[in-house]
């Protein structure tokens, strides 16, 4: 008996080190797999299409204060600081992406272990669901600002349990909530929904001191959030909190999502919700019966479903956010319900067999999403490629087109006349920013490049216009071919350079 007691005493501190390490190391290592398989190229659409060009532009030209505050800028501040120190931004993002998922796994572990008082093993299982389920992997693919906000959100939830019992805890709580607002608007909205629910619960429980402290400690973040909203209003004439169904513009951003009507939007939203969480359904049903008491996670889930409900109620009364973003953020609270399904598991029972089969299915989907190339991945991912890419092995173009894109842009750099300009879609803006001088680029977003070229011509522009796109018939983003007004001048694989020949 003495030997057993000694073993338990030795294992306790060992467990306190091992499981947090695994909670950090496993997500980091798994997320590093696509980065390694992609070689020198970045993983993720937003990573290359927005983080790269915006960071380089802000460093080169500076940024308007109101535009800076409306972003919010936490991730960009980190990227600018590291890039200014001489580290290539591509290398920074390739390292930062796995690191963020690792840190997110660590704070999820401590939330489960400290706040929910789960065992170390159960907390580690929650980490695996919250970081390695394919929806969570999709978020880690390019939603780095979201991940940064989630890290501070879970830190906030850990501190909320103490309800500001000490000044130190209250100061840390204020700092964590401020960091959430600086990191991402949607995560901040979820945080405030949880804080409001916590305040109401404390008020109903007659804990007025806790109510006052929580209001005081969260007030700076609330003030900053209002300031960010005001900055967004000043930065964009089209900004609004409550929006309606946006009209579809020919060749524009709405064409990418393909919503021909409000009904299409509703059906698409329901379909994507089912697509994301159908594999988890057996675990969620079993887990709900064992995990009913956590106010924070319930408030998180309630807010997201409220936001989705507004979309279903009226085309003119929902938060001006594409609903797929709320649906992706649902994966994190649901991860805890999926983990709770394993409580009291009996391997020889029907429930045990259900859990085993579901876990294998989820693992297979995640592994396929993680490591299979775009053309060979599971057909399940064909359902919503606009929201969830068919494979993590792509950025704005699939891995198979990355080298050809590099070749095409190098040809442009070496052969395009100095007084000519390159028309760039969202998909190629980041690529071009790494290769060409920004003064040589004309960004047209998701619009029609021919219309952009015609408008420039009407204004009296005399310089030559080049365009990079896929070879006719193989294009992405709803534009399989380019107009006959563009003439091909170079091709590498599927990637083609055209010149406007009107």
Protein backbone atom coordinates (compact mmCIF):
# COMPACT_ATOMS: atom_id res chain seq x y z
CA UNK A 1 0.00 0.00 0.00
CA UNK A 2 2.85 2.37 0.78
CA UNK A 3 4.33 1.77 -2.66
CA UNK A 4 0.99 2.57 -4.34
CA UNK A 5 0.62 5.79 -2.35
CA UNK A 6 4.16 6.81 -3.26
CA UNK A 7 3.40 6.14 -6.95
CA UNK A 8 0.28 8.31 -6.81
CA UNK A 9 2.21 11.16 -5.17
CA UNK A 10 4.88 10.90 -7.89
CA UNK A 11 2.32 10.82 -10.68
CA UNK A 12 0.40 13.92 -9.50
CA UNK A 13 3.08 16.54 -10.32
CA UNK A 14 4.05 14.50 -13.39
CA UNK A 15 0.44 14.70 -14.59
CA UNK A 16 0.34 18.45 -13.99
CA UNK A 17 3.20 18.86 -16.46
CA UNK A 18 2.49 16.11 -18.99
CA UNK A 19 -1.15 16.83 -19.83
CA UNK A 20 -0.81 20.61 -20.33
CA UNK A 21 2.23 19.88 -22.50
CA UNK A 22 0.20 17.44 -24.61
CA UNK A 23 -2.67 19.94 -24.82
CA UNK A 24 -0.22 22.38 -26.40
CA UNK A 25 1.99 20.00 -28.38
CA UNK A 26 -0.64 17.79 -30.06
CA UNK A 27 -2.64 20.61 -31.74
CA UNK A 28 0.61 22.36 -32.68
CA UNK A 29 2.08 19.22 -34.24
CA UNK A 30 -1.11 18.35 -36.13
CA UNK A 31 -1.51 21.89 -37.46
CA UNK A 32 2.12 21.84 -38.56
CA UNK A 33 1.41 18.90 -40.91
CA UNK A 34 -0.24 20.95 -43.70
CA UNK A 35 2.40 23.66 -43.29
CA UNK A 36 5.11 21.06 -43.88
CA UNK A 37 3.27 19.45 -46.79
CA UNK A 38 2.78 22.88 -48.42
CA UNK A 39 6.55 23.41 -48.46
CA UNK A 40 7.46 27.10 -48.84
CA UNK A 41 3.85 28.19 -49.39
CA UNK A 42 1.42 29.56 -46.80
CA UNK A 43 -1.66 27.62 -45.70
CA UNK A 44 -4.98 29.47 -45.68
CA UNK A 45 -7.01 31.93 -47.78
CA UNK A 46 -7.18 34.91 -45.40
CA UNK A 47 -3.58 34.27 -44.42
CA UNK A 48 -2.33 35.03 -47.93
CA UNK A 49 -5.15 37.17 -49.32
CA UNK A 50 -5.42 39.62 -46.38
CA UNK A 51 -2.83 39.20 -43.61
CA UNK A 52 0.14 39.38 -45.98
CA UNK A 53 -0.85 42.39 -48.14
CA UNK A 54 -2.41 44.39 -45.28
CA UNK A 55 0.67 43.95 -43.08
CA UNK A 56 3.05 44.91 -45.88
CA UNK A 57 0.88 47.87 -46.90
CA UNK A 58 0.62 49.21 -43.35
CA UNK A 59 4.37 48.89 -42.85
CA UNK A 60 5.12 50.61 -46.15
CA UNK A 61 2.46 53.34 -46.32
CA UNK A 62 1.18 53.61 -42.76
CA UNK A 63 -2.49 53.30 -41.83
CA UNK A 64 -5.31 55.68 -40.96
CA UNK A 65 -6.05 55.58 -37.22
CA UNK A 66 -9.77 54.89 -37.65
CA UNK A 67 -9.15 52.11 -40.16
CA UNK A 68 -6.55 50.67 -37.78
CA UNK A 69 -8.98 50.60 -34.84
CA UNK A 70 -11.88 49.22 -36.86
CA UNK A 71 -9.99 46.05 -37.83
CA UNK A 72 -9.31 45.23 -34.73
CA UNK A 73 -5.53 45.20 -35.01
CA UNK A 74 -4.03 42.77 -32.44
CA UNK A 75 -2.81 40.20 -34.98
CA UNK A 76 -1.58 42.86 -37.38
CA UNK A 77 0.40 44.53 -34.59
CA UNK A 78 2.14 41.21 -33.91
CA UNK A 79 2.82 40.62 -37.61
CA UNK A 80 4.16 44.14 -38.15
CA UNK A 81 6.44 43.90 -35.12
CA UNK A 82 7.94 40.58 -36.24
CA UNK A 83 8.24 41.63 -39.89
CA UNK A 84 9.90 44.90 -38.86
CA UNK A 85 12.49 42.83 -36.99
CA UNK A 86 13.53 41.28 -40.31
CA UNK A 87 11.63 37.98 -40.23
CA UNK A 88 9.96 37.20 -43.59
CA UNK A 89 6.19 37.42 -43.21
CA UNK A 90 5.67 34.07 -44.95
CA UNK A 91 7.89 32.34 -42.38
CA UNK A 92 6.16 34.18 -39.54
CA UNK A 93 2.72 33.00 -40.63
CA UNK A 94 3.86 29.42 -41.22
CA UNK A 95 5.16 29.27 -37.64
CA UNK A 96 2.42 31.38 -36.06
CA UNK A 97 -0.48 29.28 -37.37
CA UNK A 98 0.51 26.04 -35.55
CA UNK A 99 1.59 28.04 -32.48
CA UNK A 100 -1.81 29.70 -32.15
CA UNK A 101 -3.63 26.37 -32.29
CA UNK A 102 -1.23 24.98 -29.69
CA UNK A 103 -1.85 27.90 -27.32
CA UNK A 104 -5.60 27.59 -27.91
CA UNK A 105 -5.38 23.92 -26.94
CA UNK A 106 -3.56 24.90 -23.75
CA UNK A 107 -6.16 27.45 -22.60
CA UNK A 108 -9.00 25.05 -23.47
CA UNK A 109 -7.27 22.45 -21.28
CA UNK A 110 -7.00 24.83 -18.32
CA UNK A 111 -10.62 25.93 -18.79
CA UNK A 112 -11.82 22.32 -18.66
CA UNK A 113 -9.45 21.39 -15.82
CA UNK A 114 -9.79 24.46 -13.60
CA UNK A 115 -13.23 25.90 -14.38
CA UNK A 116 -15.16 22.70 -15.13
CA UNK A 117 -13.01 20.70 -12.66
CA UNK A 118 -12.57 17.89 -15.16
CA UNK A 119 -9.79 15.35 -14.83
CA UNK A 120 -6.57 15.82 -16.76
CA UNK A 121 -7.46 13.05 -19.23
CA UNK A 122 -10.97 14.36 -19.82
CA UNK A 123 -9.63 17.91 -20.23
CA UNK A 124 -7.15 16.68 -22.84
CA UNK A 125 -9.99 14.96 -24.70
CA UNK A 126 -11.85 18.30 -24.76
CA UNK A 127 -8.76 19.86 -26.31
CA UNK A 128 -8.75 17.25 -29.09
CA UNK A 129 -12.39 17.96 -29.95
CA UNK A 130 -11.92 21.75 -29.75
CA UNK A 131 -8.83 21.85 -31.97
CA UNK A 132 -8.81 18.75 -34.21
CA UNK A 133 -12.46 18.35 -35.25
CA UNK A 134 -12.59 19.32 -38.91
CA UNK A 135 -14.60 22.50 -38.24
CA UNK A 136 -11.98 23.62 -35.71
CA UNK A 137 -9.24 22.73 -38.21
CA UNK A 138 -11.06 24.81 -40.81
CA UNK A 139 -10.96 27.77 -38.42
CA UNK A 140 -7.24 27.21 -37.85
CA UNK A 141 -6.74 27.08 -41.63
CA UNK A 142 -6.93 30.85 -42.01
CA UNK A 143 -8.99 32.44 -39.21
CA UNK A 144 -5.95 33.42 -37.14
CA UNK A 145 -7.59 36.56 -35.73
CA UNK A 146 -10.47 34.40 -34.50
CA UNK A 147 -8.05 31.99 -32.83
CA UNK A 148 -6.26 34.85 -31.10
CA UNK A 149 -9.59 36.14 -29.81
CA UNK A 150 -10.58 32.65 -28.62
CA UNK A 151 -7.35 32.32 -26.66
CA UNK A 152 -8.17 35.47 -24.70
CA UNK A 153 -11.85 34.47 -24.45
CA UNK A 154 -11.04 31.20 -22.69
CA UNK A 155 -8.62 33.09 -20.43
CA UNK A 156 -11.53 35.43 -19.63
CA UNK A 157 -13.82 32.49 -18.84
CA UNK A 158 -11.24 31.04 -16.45
CA UNK A 159 -10.97 34.37 -14.63
CA UNK A 160 -14.76 34.83 -14.57
CA UNK A 161 -15.14 31.89 -12.23
CA UNK A 162 -13.34 33.84 -9.53
CA UNK A 163 -15.76 36.75 -10.09
CA UNK A 164 -13.14 39.39 -9.28
CA UNK A 165 -12.53 38.20 -5.71
CA UNK A 166 -9.17 40.01 -5.68
CA UNK A 167 -7.88 43.16 -7.30
CA UNK A 168 -5.21 41.14 -9.13
CA UNK A 169 -7.81 38.81 -10.61
CA UNK A 170 -9.99 41.78 -11.55
CA UNK A 171 -7.08 43.53 -13.27
CA UNK A 172 -6.26 40.34 -15.21
CA UNK A 173 -9.93 39.99 -16.14
CA UNK A 174 -10.01 43.55 -17.48
CA UNK A 175 -6.82 42.92 -19.47
CA UNK A 176 -8.19 39.67 -20.92
CA UNK A 177 -11.49 41.26 -21.98
CA UNK A 178 -9.66 44.19 -23.56
CA UNK A 179 -7.47 41.73 -25.48
CA UNK A 180 -10.55 39.94 -26.83
CA UNK A 181 -11.91 43.20 -28.20
CA UNK A 182 -8.54 44.08 -29.72
CA UNK A 183 -8.37 40.65 -31.36
CA UNK A 184 -11.77 40.09 -33.04
CA UNK A 185 -15.26 41.64 -33.06
CA UNK A 186 -17.32 38.45 -33.21
CA UNK A 187 -15.43 36.83 -30.35
CA UNK A 188 -15.96 40.03 -28.37
CA UNK A 189 -19.72 39.82 -28.99
CA UNK A 190 -19.76 36.24 -27.68
CA UNK A 191 -17.74 37.35 -24.65
CA UNK A 192 -20.19 40.12 -23.80
CA UNK A 193 -23.11 37.70 -24.17
CA UNK A 194 -21.43 35.44 -21.60
CA UNK A 195 -20.64 38.35 -19.27
CA UNK A 196 -24.24 39.58 -19.42
CA UNK A 197 -25.51 36.08 -18.61
CA UNK A 198 -23.07 35.88 -15.68
CA UNK A 199 -24.19 39.27 -14.35
CA UNK A 200 -27.87 38.24 -14.57
CA UNK A 201 -27.17 34.97 -12.76
CA UNK A 202 -25.30 36.79 -9.97
CA UNK A 203 -28.12 39.32 -9.70
CA UNK A 204 -30.76 36.60 -9.38
CA UNK A 205 -28.60 34.89 -6.75
CA UNK A 206 -28.47 38.19 -4.80
CA UNK A 207 -24.68 38.45 -5.24
CA UNK A 208 -24.68 42.21 -5.70
CA UNK A 209 -21.00 42.64 -4.85
CA UNK A 210 -20.07 40.20 -7.65
CA UNK A 211 -22.40 42.08 -10.03
CA UNK A 212 -20.75 45.43 -9.27
CA UNK A 213 -17.22 44.06 -9.60
CA UNK A 214 -17.92 42.31 -12.88
CA UNK A 215 -19.50 45.43 -14.35
CA UNK A 216 -16.52 47.55 -13.26
CA UNK A 217 -13.91 45.11 -14.55
CA UNK A 218 -15.61 44.64 -17.93
CA UNK A 219 -16.40 48.34 -18.44
CA UNK A 220 -13.05 49.18 -20.16
CA UNK A 221 -13.62 46.42 -22.73
CA UNK A 222 -17.19 47.60 -23.30
CA UNK A 223 -15.97 51.14 -23.85
CA UNK A 224 -13.30 49.93 -26.28
CA UNK A 225 -15.88 47.85 -28.15
CA UNK A 226 -18.11 50.91 -28.62
CA UNK A 227 -15.06 52.82 -29.85
CA UNK A 228 -14.29 50.03 -32.38
CA UNK A 229 -17.88 50.18 -33.64
CA UNK A 230 -17.57 53.95 -34.01
CA UNK A 231 -14.27 53.55 -35.87
CA UNK A 232 -15.95 51.04 -38.21
CA UNK A 233 -18.73 53.55 -38.86
CA UNK A 234 -16.21 56.27 -39.73
CA UNK A 235 -14.12 53.95 -41.91
CA UNK A 236 -16.97 52.59 -44.02
CA UNK A 237 -20.01 54.44 -45.32
CA UNK A 238 -21.79 51.07 -45.70
CA UNK A 239 -21.19 49.89 -42.12
CA UNK A 240 -24.21 48.73 -40.10
CA UNK A 241 -24.78 46.39 -37.17
CA UNK A 242 -28.17 45.12 -38.28
CA UNK A 243 -28.35 44.35 -41.98
CA UNK A 244 -30.63 42.86 -44.55
CA UNK A 245 -30.18 40.35 -47.33
CA UNK A 246 -27.56 41.86 -49.65
CA UNK A 247 -28.34 42.19 -53.32
CA UNK A 248 -26.36 39.99 -55.66
CA UNK A 249 -23.96 41.87 -57.87
CA UNK A 250 -22.81 40.43 -61.19
CA UNK A 251 -19.29 39.12 -60.70
CA UNK A 252 -19.13 40.52 -57.18
CA UNK A 253 -18.63 39.05 -53.72
CA UNK A 254 -22.24 37.87 -53.43
CA UNK A 255 -21.83 35.89 -56.64
CA UNK A 256 -19.16 33.85 -54.88
CA UNK A 257 -21.66 32.76 -52.21
CA UNK A 258 -24.36 32.25 -54.81
CA UNK A 259 -27.37 33.55 -52.86
CA UNK A 260 -29.93 34.20 -55.57
CA UNK A 261 -32.61 34.91 -52.97
CA UNK A 262 -33.26 35.20 -49.26
CA UNK A 263 -34.66 31.65 -49.29
CA UNK A 264 -31.34 30.42 -50.66
CA UNK A 265 -29.58 32.08 -47.75
CA UNK A 266 -31.82 30.35 -45.19
CA UNK A 267 -31.51 26.93 -46.83
CA UNK A 268 -27.76 27.38 -47.18
CA UNK A 269 -27.43 28.29 -43.50
CA UNK A 270 -29.41 25.26 -42.32
CA UNK A 271 -27.50 22.98 -44.69
CA UNK A 272 -24.14 24.24 -43.48
CA UNK A 273 -25.16 23.80 -39.83
CA UNK A 274 -26.06 20.17 -40.54
CA UNK A 275 -22.90 19.65 -42.59
CA UNK A 276 -20.69 20.88 -39.74
CA UNK A 277 -22.21 18.97 -36.83
CA UNK A 278 -23.95 15.90 -38.23
CA UNK A 279 -20.88 13.72 -37.48
CA UNK A 280 -20.95 14.97 -33.86
CA UNK A 281 -24.68 14.43 -33.31
CA UNK A 282 -24.47 11.08 -31.41
CA UNK A 283 -21.86 12.52 -29.06
CA UNK A 284 -23.82 15.74 -28.55
CA UNK A 285 -26.98 13.83 -27.64
CA UNK A 286 -25.18 11.64 -25.13
CA UNK A 287 -23.11 14.54 -23.80
CA UNK A 288 -26.09 16.82 -23.23
CA UNK A 289 -27.53 14.35 -20.71
CA UNK A 290 -24.33 14.45 -18.67
CA UNK A 291 -23.39 18.12 -18.97
CA UNK A 292 -26.19 20.57 -18.28
CA UNK A 293 -24.98 23.08 -15.71
CA UNK A 294 -22.37 25.35 -17.32
CA UNK A 295 -23.77 28.87 -17.78
CA UNK A 296 -20.88 30.18 -19.86
CA UNK A 297 -21.10 27.56 -22.60
CA UNK A 298 -24.90 27.74 -22.63
CA UNK A 299 -24.75 31.52 -23.12
CA UNK A 300 -22.26 31.01 -25.96
CA UNK A 301 -24.54 28.52 -27.72
CA UNK A 302 -27.68 30.57 -27.02
CA UNK A 303 -26.19 33.70 -28.57
CA UNK A 304 -25.15 31.91 -31.76
CA UNK A 305 -28.56 30.31 -32.23
CA UNK A 306 -30.22 33.66 -31.53
CA UNK A 307 -28.12 35.22 -34.29
CA UNK A 308 -29.07 32.43 -36.67
CA UNK A 309 -32.73 32.69 -35.66
CA UNK A 310 -32.81 36.35 -36.69
CA UNK A 311 -31.72 35.27 -40.17
CA UNK A 312 -34.63 32.81 -40.35
CA UNK A 313 -37.16 35.36 -39.06
CA UNK A 314 -36.61 38.17 -41.54
CA UNK A 315 -34.35 39.15 -44.45
CA UNK A 316 -34.03 42.62 -42.93
CA UNK A 317 -33.40 41.87 -39.26
CA UNK A 318 -30.16 39.96 -38.74
CA UNK A 319 -26.68 40.89 -37.62
CA UNK A 320 -24.66 42.01 -40.61
CA UNK A 321 -22.39 38.95 -40.48
CA UNK A 322 -22.30 36.02 -42.88
CA UNK A 323 -24.03 33.24 -40.88
CA UNK A 324 -21.39 30.62 -41.67
CA UNK A 325 -19.02 32.47 -39.33
CA UNK A 326 -21.38 32.01 -36.35
CA UNK A 327 -21.80 28.34 -37.26
CA UNK A 328 -18.05 27.72 -37.26
CA UNK A 329 -17.73 29.38 -33.83
CA UNK A 330 -20.28 26.92 -32.46
CA UNK A 331 -17.70 24.12 -32.60
CA UNK A 332 -15.90 25.27 -29.45
CA UNK A 333 -18.72 25.04 -26.86
CA UNK A 334 -20.03 21.89 -28.54
CA UNK A 335 -16.60 20.31 -28.09
CA UNK A 336 -17.25 20.15 -24.34
CA UNK A 337 -20.62 18.45 -24.83
CA UNK A 338 -18.99 15.91 -27.15
CA UNK A 339 -16.34 15.26 -24.48
CA UNK A 340 -18.98 14.82 -21.78
CA UNK A 341 -20.43 11.92 -23.78
CA UNK A 342 -17.45 9.82 -22.71
CA UNK A 343 -18.30 10.10 -19.01
CA UNK A 344 -19.16 6.70 -17.54
CA UNK A 345 -18.42 4.97 -20.84
CA UNK A 346 -18.93 1.20 -20.89
CA UNK A 347 -17.10 -0.37 -23.80
CA UNK A 348 -19.41 -3.37 -24.01
CA UNK A 349 -22.57 -1.28 -24.29
CA UNK A 350 -24.48 -0.03 -27.31
CA UNK A 351 -23.54 3.52 -26.35
CA UNK A 352 -19.89 2.51 -26.24
CA UNK A 353 -20.08 1.11 -29.77
CA UNK A 354 -21.82 4.31 -30.95
CA UNK A 355 -19.12 6.46 -29.42
CA UNK A 356 -16.36 4.35 -30.92
CA UNK A 357 -17.87 4.47 -34.42
CA UNK A 358 -18.52 8.22 -34.20
CA UNK A 359 -14.98 8.88 -32.98
CA UNK A 360 -13.51 6.87 -35.87
CA UNK A 361 -15.70 8.75 -38.35
CA UNK A 362 -14.66 12.13 -36.93
CA UNK A 363 -11.00 11.13 -36.90
CA UNK A 364 -11.16 9.95 -40.51
CA UNK A 365 -12.82 13.17 -41.68
CA UNK A 366 -10.24 15.30 -39.85
CA UNK A 367 -7.25 13.35 -41.16
CA UNK A 368 -8.57 13.49 -44.72
CA UNK A 369 -9.14 17.23 -44.46
CA UNK A 370 -5.70 17.69 -42.96
CA UNK A 371 -3.48 15.80 -45.34
CA UNK A 372 -5.20 14.83 -48.61
CA UNK A 373 -4.67 17.08 -51.66
CA UNK A 374 -7.59 19.08 -53.03
CA UNK A 375 -8.42 16.66 -55.85
CA UNK A 376 -8.35 13.45 -53.78
CA UNK A 377 -10.04 14.38 -50.51
CA UNK A 378 -13.36 12.96 -49.23
CA UNK A 379 -16.49 13.81 -51.21
CA UNK A 380 -18.09 15.01 -47.95
CA UNK A 381 -16.13 18.24 -48.39
CA UNK A 382 -17.68 18.91 -51.79
CA UNK A 383 -20.85 20.18 -50.08
CA UNK A 384 -19.75 23.71 -49.02
CA UNK A 385 -16.35 24.47 -50.60
CA UNK A 386 -16.94 28.21 -50.25
CA UNK A 387 -17.01 27.91 -46.44
CA UNK A 388 -14.85 24.83 -45.85
CA UNK A 389 -12.10 24.11 -48.40
CA UNK A 390 -11.89 20.56 -49.70
CA UNK A 391 -8.41 20.29 -48.20
CA UNK A 392 -6.15 22.30 -45.91
CA UNK A 393 -3.43 21.93 -48.54
CA UNK A 394 -4.26 25.19 -50.28
CA UNK A 395 -4.29 28.91 -49.74
CA UNK A 396 -5.99 31.06 -52.36
CA UNK A 397 -5.02 28.38 -54.89
CA UNK A 398 -4.54 24.61 -54.41
CA UNK A 399 -1.07 23.26 -53.65
CA UNK A 400 -0.78 21.91 -57.21
CA UNK A 401 -1.04 25.48 -58.58
CA UNK A 402 1.30 27.21 -56.12
CA UNK A 403 4.53 26.77 -58.06
CA UNK A 404 2.82 27.74 -61.32
CA UNK A 405 1.46 30.88 -59.66
CA UNK A 406 4.97 31.74 -58.55
CA UNK A 407 6.25 31.13 -62.08
CA UNK A 408 3.56 33.34 -63.61
CA UNK A 409 4.26 36.24 -61.25
CA UNK A 410 8.00 35.95 -61.78
CA UNK A 411 7.34 36.17 -65.54
CA UNK A 412 5.23 39.28 -64.94
CA UNK A 413 7.99 40.83 -62.82
CA UNK A 414 10.62 40.15 -65.50
CA UNK A 415 8.57 40.94 -68.64
CA UNK A 416 5.82 43.41 -67.81
CA UNK A 417 6.78 46.96 -68.90
CA UNK A 418 7.59 49.35 -66.08
CA UNK A 419 4.62 51.57 -66.97
CA UNK A 420 2.16 48.64 -67.13
CA UNK A 421 -0.09 47.37 -64.31
CA UNK A 422 -1.31 43.97 -63.15
CA UNK A 423 -5.01 43.48 -62.38
CA UNK A 424 -5.30 41.33 -59.26
CA UNK A 425 -8.27 39.44 -57.82
CA UNK A 426 -8.47 38.80 -54.06
CA UNK A 427 -6.94 35.39 -54.73
CA UNK A 428 -3.74 36.87 -56.17
CA UNK A 429 -3.36 40.15 -54.27
CA UNK A 430 -1.22 38.59 -51.54
CA UNK A 431 0.85 36.63 -54.05
CA UNK A 432 1.48 39.78 -56.10
CA UNK A 433 2.33 41.84 -52.99
CA UNK A 434 5.20 39.45 -52.28
CA UNK A 435 6.53 39.67 -55.86
CA UNK A 436 5.79 43.09 -57.35
CA UNK A 437 5.87 46.71 -56.32
CA UNK A 438 2.49 47.81 -54.97
CA UNK A 439 2.37 50.70 -57.46
CA UNK A 440 2.18 48.11 -60.26
CA UNK A 441 -0.98 46.48 -58.87
CA UNK A 442 -4.64 47.33 -59.51
CA UNK A 443 -6.86 45.46 -57.07
CA UNK A 444 -10.35 44.58 -58.32
CA UNK A 445 -11.50 42.22 -55.54
CA UNK A 446 -14.26 39.89 -56.75
CA UNK A 447 -15.48 42.14 -59.52
CA UNK A 448 -15.22 41.59 -63.25
CA UNK A 449 -11.68 42.41 -64.50
CA UNK A 450 -12.96 43.44 -67.94
CA UNK A 451 -15.29 46.03 -66.38
CA UNK A 452 -12.40 47.32 -64.29
CA UNK A 453 -10.22 47.59 -67.40
CA UNK A 454 -13.00 49.36 -69.34
CA UNK A 455 -13.47 51.94 -66.57
CA UNK A 456 -9.76 52.67 -66.55
CA UNK A 457 -9.82 53.04 -70.33
CA UNK A 458 -12.79 55.41 -70.16
CA UNK A 459 -10.84 57.58 -67.73
CA UNK A 460 -8.10 57.96 -70.32
CA UNK A 461 -5.63 55.43 -68.92
CA UNK A 462 -2.95 54.65 -71.51
CA UNK A 463 -0.83 52.02 -69.74
CA UNK A 464 -1.00 48.31 -70.55
CA UNK A 465 -3.05 46.05 -68.28
CA UNK A 466 -2.06 42.49 -67.46
CA UNK A 467 -4.12 39.85 -65.65
CA UNK A 468 -3.21 36.61 -63.86
CA UNK A 469 -5.86 33.88 -63.81
CA UNK A 470 -6.36 30.22 -64.46
CA UNK A 471 -6.37 28.88 -68.04
CA UNK A 472 -9.81 29.21 -69.61
CA UNK A 473 -12.20 26.55 -68.35
CA UNK A 474 -10.33 25.80 -65.10
CA UNK A 475 -10.80 29.02 -63.09
CA UNK A 476 -11.99 29.26 -59.48
CA UNK A 477 -14.23 31.66 -57.55
CA UNK A 478 -17.12 31.48 -59.99
CA UNK A 479 -14.99 32.71 -62.89
CA UNK A 480 -14.04 29.67 -64.96
CA UNK A 481 -12.81 31.77 -67.91
CA UNK A 482 -11.77 35.30 -68.71
CA UNK A 483 -13.21 37.55 -71.40
CA UNK A 484 -11.93 37.38 -74.97
CA UNK A 485 -10.82 40.98 -74.43
CA UNK A 486 -7.80 39.46 -72.67
CA UNK A 487 -5.14 37.74 -74.76
CA UNK A 488 -2.89 35.04 -73.32
CA UNK A 489 0.84 35.89 -73.21
CA UNK A 490 2.25 33.29 -70.79
CA UNK A 491 1.16 29.99 -69.22
CA UNK A 492 2.66 27.73 -66.56
CA UNK A 493 0.53 24.70 -65.79
CA UNK A 494 -2.99 26.04 -65.28
CA UNK A 495 -1.85 29.53 -64.35
CA UNK A 496 -1.97 32.05 -67.17
CA UNK A 497 -0.98 35.67 -67.73
CA UNK A 498 -3.18 37.72 -70.06
CA UNK A 499 -2.91 41.21 -71.52
CA UNK A 500 -5.93 43.44 -72.03
CA UNK A 501 -6.28 43.80 -75.80
CA UNK A 502 -9.43 45.85 -76.25
